[in-house]
Amino acid sequence: MIKHYFKHETCEIEDLGNGIKRRVLAYDENMMTVEVTFEKGAIGAMHNHPHEQMTYIISGKFEFNIDGEKMILTAGDMTYKEPDIMHGAVCLEAGQLLDVFTPSRKDFL
């Protein structure tokens, strides 16, 4: 059954530790949106996965590292990560990101 509406207050917050929290906002088989909150100094460790990913910076300041290329981004900026590329981020000023994945990250559910 397809779910059409996802209320923010009903989406569970998962504390990932080390100043990072994740909230899966909406998903189906093909797409997923995830809100990630970072405290200043929190590190999204370098990793890769088979999903395409776009990240919209809602607030804060982050130094992203995508395949060895580093760039500082702030609110309104975006990133794109193709499947299997190494990437990570360091939070320079507390903030939030909105991640969009395709296909859906079943490991987040």
C-alpha atoms as a PDB file:
ATOM      1  CA  MET A   1       0.000   0.000   0.000  1.00  0.00           C
ATOM      2  CA  ILE A   2       1.342   3.434  -0.937  1.00  0.00           C
ATOM      3  CA  LYS A   3       1.499   6.023   1.819  1.00  0.00           C
ATOM      4  CA  HIS A   4       0.826   9.576   0.600  1.00  0.00           C
ATOM      5  CA  TYR A   5       1.230  11.673   3.742  1.00  0.00           C
ATOM      6  CA  PHE A   6       3.968  11.785   6.367  1.00  0.00           C
ATOM      7  CA  LYS A   7       3.468  14.077   9.391  1.00  0.00           C
ATOM      8  CA  HIS A   8       6.751  15.452  10.799  1.00  0.00           C
ATOM      9  CA  GLU A   9       5.735  14.914  14.426  1.00  0.00           C
ATOM     10  CA  THR A  10       5.084  11.215  13.788  1.00  0.00           C
ATOM     11  CA  CYS A  11       8.475  10.566  12.169  1.00  0.00           C
ATOM     12  CA  GLU A  12      10.758   8.963  14.733  1.00  0.00           C
ATOM     13  CA  ILE A  13      14.075  10.637  15.600  1.00  0.00           C
ATOM     14  CA  GLU A  14      17.041   8.273  15.756  1.00  0.00           C
ATOM     15  CA  ASP A  15      20.025   9.416  17.802  1.00  0.00           C
ATOM     16  CA  LEU A  16      23.065   8.171  15.899  1.00  0.00           C
ATOM     17  CA  GLY A  17      25.421   9.418  18.622  1.00  0.00           C
ATOM     18  CA  ASN A  18      28.335  11.842  18.427  1.00  0.00           C
ATOM     19  CA  GLY A  19      26.037  14.829  17.825  1.00  0.00           C
ATOM     20  CA  ILE A  20      24.032  13.453  14.883  1.00  0.00           C
ATOM     21  CA  LYS A  21      20.289  12.691  14.773  1.00  0.00           C
ATOM     22  CA  ARG A  22      18.300  11.303  11.844  1.00  0.00           C
ATOM     23  CA  ARG A  23      14.596  11.451  11.012  1.00  0.00           C
ATOM     24  CA  VAL A  24      13.236   9.540   7.993  1.00  0.00           C
ATOM     25  CA  LEU A  25      10.570  11.902   6.663  1.00  0.00           C
ATOM     26  CA  ALA A  26       9.036  10.093   3.693  1.00  0.00           C
ATOM     27  CA  TYR A  27       9.774   7.093   1.504  1.00  0.00           C
ATOM     28  CA  ASP A  28       8.597   4.478  -0.928  1.00  0.00           C
ATOM     29  CA  GLU A  29      10.566   1.799  -2.785  1.00  0.00           C
ATOM     30  CA  ASN A  30      12.211   4.271  -5.170  1.00  0.00           C
ATOM     31  CA  MET A  31      12.869   7.411  -3.124  1.00  0.00           C
ATOM     32  CA  MET A  32      13.493   8.564   0.446  1.00  0.00           C
ATOM     33  CA  THR A  33      13.901  11.917   2.217  1.00  0.00           C
ATOM     34  CA  VAL A  34      15.792  12.131   5.500  1.00  0.00           C
ATOM     35  CA  GLU A  35      16.370  15.083   7.861  1.00  0.00           C
ATOM     36  CA  VAL A  36      19.755  14.957   9.599  1.00  0.00           C
ATOM     37  CA  THR A  37      20.615  17.276  12.501  1.00  0.00           C
ATOM     38  CA  PHE A  38      24.261  17.947  13.411  1.00  0.00           C
ATOM     39  CA  GLU A  39      25.776  19.591  16.464  1.00  0.00           C
ATOM     40  CA  LYS A  40      28.861  21.742  15.856  1.00  0.00           C
ATOM     41  CA  GLY A  41      31.900  19.509  15.443  1.00  0.00           C
ATOM     42  CA  ALA A  42      29.908  16.378  14.574  1.00  0.00           C
ATOM     43  CA  ILE A  43      31.432  14.257  11.837  1.00  0.00           C
ATOM     44  CA  GLY A  44      29.594  12.317   9.172  1.00  0.00           C
ATOM     45  CA  ALA A  45      32.322   9.706   8.610  1.00  0.00           C
ATOM     46  CA  MET A  46      33.528   8.922   5.102  1.00  0.00           C
ATOM     47  CA  HIS A  47      31.425   6.138   3.606  1.00  0.00           C
ATOM     48  CA  ASN A  48      29.781   4.977   0.408  1.00  0.00           C
ATOM     49  CA  HIS A  49      26.589   3.174  -0.606  1.00  0.00           C
ATOM     50  CA  PRO A  50      24.894   2.024  -3.828  1.00  0.00           C
ATOM     51  CA  HIS A  51      22.246   4.789  -3.699  1.00  0.00           C
ATOM     52  CA  GLU A  52      22.245   8.141  -5.496  1.00  0.00           C
ATOM     53  CA  GLN A  53      22.036  10.972  -2.966  1.00  0.00           C
ATOM     54  CA  MET A  54      21.330  14.685  -3.040  1.00  0.00           C
ATOM     55  CA  THR A  55      21.770  16.810   0.067  1.00  0.00           C
ATOM     56  CA  TYR A  56      20.155  20.207   0.646  1.00  0.00           C
ATOM     57  CA  ILE A  57      21.681  22.296   3.436  1.00  0.00           C
ATOM     58  CA  ILE A  58      18.752  23.644   5.470  1.00  0.00           C
ATOM     59  CA  SER A  59      20.910  25.462   8.013  1.00  0.00           C
ATOM     60  CA  GLY A  60      24.411  25.533   9.457  1.00  0.00           C
ATOM     61  CA  LYS A  61      27.826  25.280   7.838  1.00  0.00           C
ATOM     62  CA  PHE A  62      29.437  22.045   6.666  1.00  0.00           C
ATOM     63  CA  GLU A  63      32.699  20.983   5.069  1.00  0.00           C
ATOM     64  CA  PHE A  64      31.824  18.194   2.652  1.00  0.00           C
ATOM     65  CA  ASN A  65      34.334  15.745   1.224  1.00  0.00           C
ATOM     66  CA  ILE A  66      33.142  14.001  -1.940  1.00  0.00           C
ATOM     67  CA  ASP A  67      35.727  11.694  -3.489  1.00  0.00           C
ATOM     68  CA  GLY A  68      38.566  13.769  -2.007  1.00  0.00           C
ATOM     69  CA  GLU A  69      37.174  17.128  -3.180  1.00  0.00           C
ATOM     70  CA  LYS A  70      36.343  19.340  -0.192  1.00  0.00           C
ATOM     71  CA  MET A  71      33.985  22.324  -0.157  1.00  0.00           C
ATOM     72  CA  ILE A  72      32.321  24.404   2.555  1.00  0.00           C
ATOM     73  CA  LEU A  73      28.561  24.770   2.074  1.00  0.00           C
ATOM     74  CA  THR A  74      25.840  26.703   3.909  1.00  0.00           C
ATOM     75  CA  ALA A  75      22.047  27.085   3.847  1.00  0.00           C
ATOM     76  CA  GLY A  76      20.599  26.829   0.349  1.00  0.00           C
ATOM     77  CA  ASP A  77      23.555  24.910  -1.122  1.00  0.00           C
ATOM     78  CA  MET A  78      23.308  21.316  -2.353  1.00  0.00           C
ATOM     79  CA  THR A  79      25.463  18.284  -3.110  1.00  0.00           C
ATOM     80  CA  TYR A  80      25.061  15.303  -5.421  1.00  0.00           C
ATOM     81  CA  LYS A  81      26.686  11.948  -4.732  1.00  0.00           C
ATOM     82  CA  GLU A  82      26.592   9.224  -7.379  1.00  0.00           C
ATOM     83  CA  PRO A  83      26.375   5.563  -6.323  1.00  0.00           C
ATOM     84  CA  ASP A  84      29.410   4.118  -4.514  1.00  0.00           C
ATOM     85  CA  ILE A  85      31.354   7.409  -4.247  1.00  0.00           C
ATOM     86  CA  MET A  86      33.183   8.019  -0.955  1.00  0.00           C
ATOM     87  CA  HIS A  87      31.758  11.005   0.928  1.00  0.00           C
ATOM     88  CA  GLY A  88      31.444  12.556   4.378  1.00  0.00           C
ATOM     89  CA  ALA A  89      31.052  15.885   6.156  1.00  0.00           C
ATOM     90  CA  VAL A  90      32.216  17.866   9.174  1.00  0.00           C
ATOM     91  CA  CYS A  91      29.737  20.236  10.813  1.00  0.00           C
ATOM     92  CA  LEU A  92      31.384  23.648  11.294  1.00  0.00           C
ATOM     93  CA  GLU A  93      28.224  25.381  12.619  1.00  0.00           C
ATOM     94  CA  ALA A  94      25.259  23.405  14.002  1.00  0.00           C
ATOM     95  CA  GLY A  95      22.662  22.742  11.357  1.00  0.00           C
ATOM     96  CA  GLN A  96      20.335  20.470   9.444  1.00  0.00           C
ATOM     97  CA  LEU A  97      20.534  18.651   6.134  1.00  0.00           C
ATOM     98  CA  LEU A  98      17.819  17.161   3.946  1.00  0.00           C
ATOM     99  CA  ASP A  99      19.013  14.014   2.178  1.00  0.00           C
ATOM    100  CA  VAL A 100      17.201  12.507  -0.806  1.00  0.00           C
ATOM    101  CA  PHE A 101      18.080   8.935  -1.779  1.00  0.00           C
ATOM    102  CA  THR A 102      17.154   6.755  -4.710  1.00  0.00           C
ATOM    103  CA  PRO A 103      16.387   3.966  -4.321  1.00  0.00           C
ATOM    104  CA  SER A 104      15.130   4.057  -0.759  1.00  0.00           C
ATOM    105  CA  ARG A 105      17.628   3.219   2.041  1.00  0.00           C
ATOM    106  CA  LYS A 106      16.113   0.039   3.453  1.00  0.00           C
ATOM    107  CA  ASP A 107      18.886   0.020   6.077  1.00  0.00           C
ATOM    108  CA  PHE A 108      17.315   3.204   7.556  1.00  0.00           C
ATOM    109  CA  LEU A 109      13.901   1.561   8.104  1.00  0.00           C
END
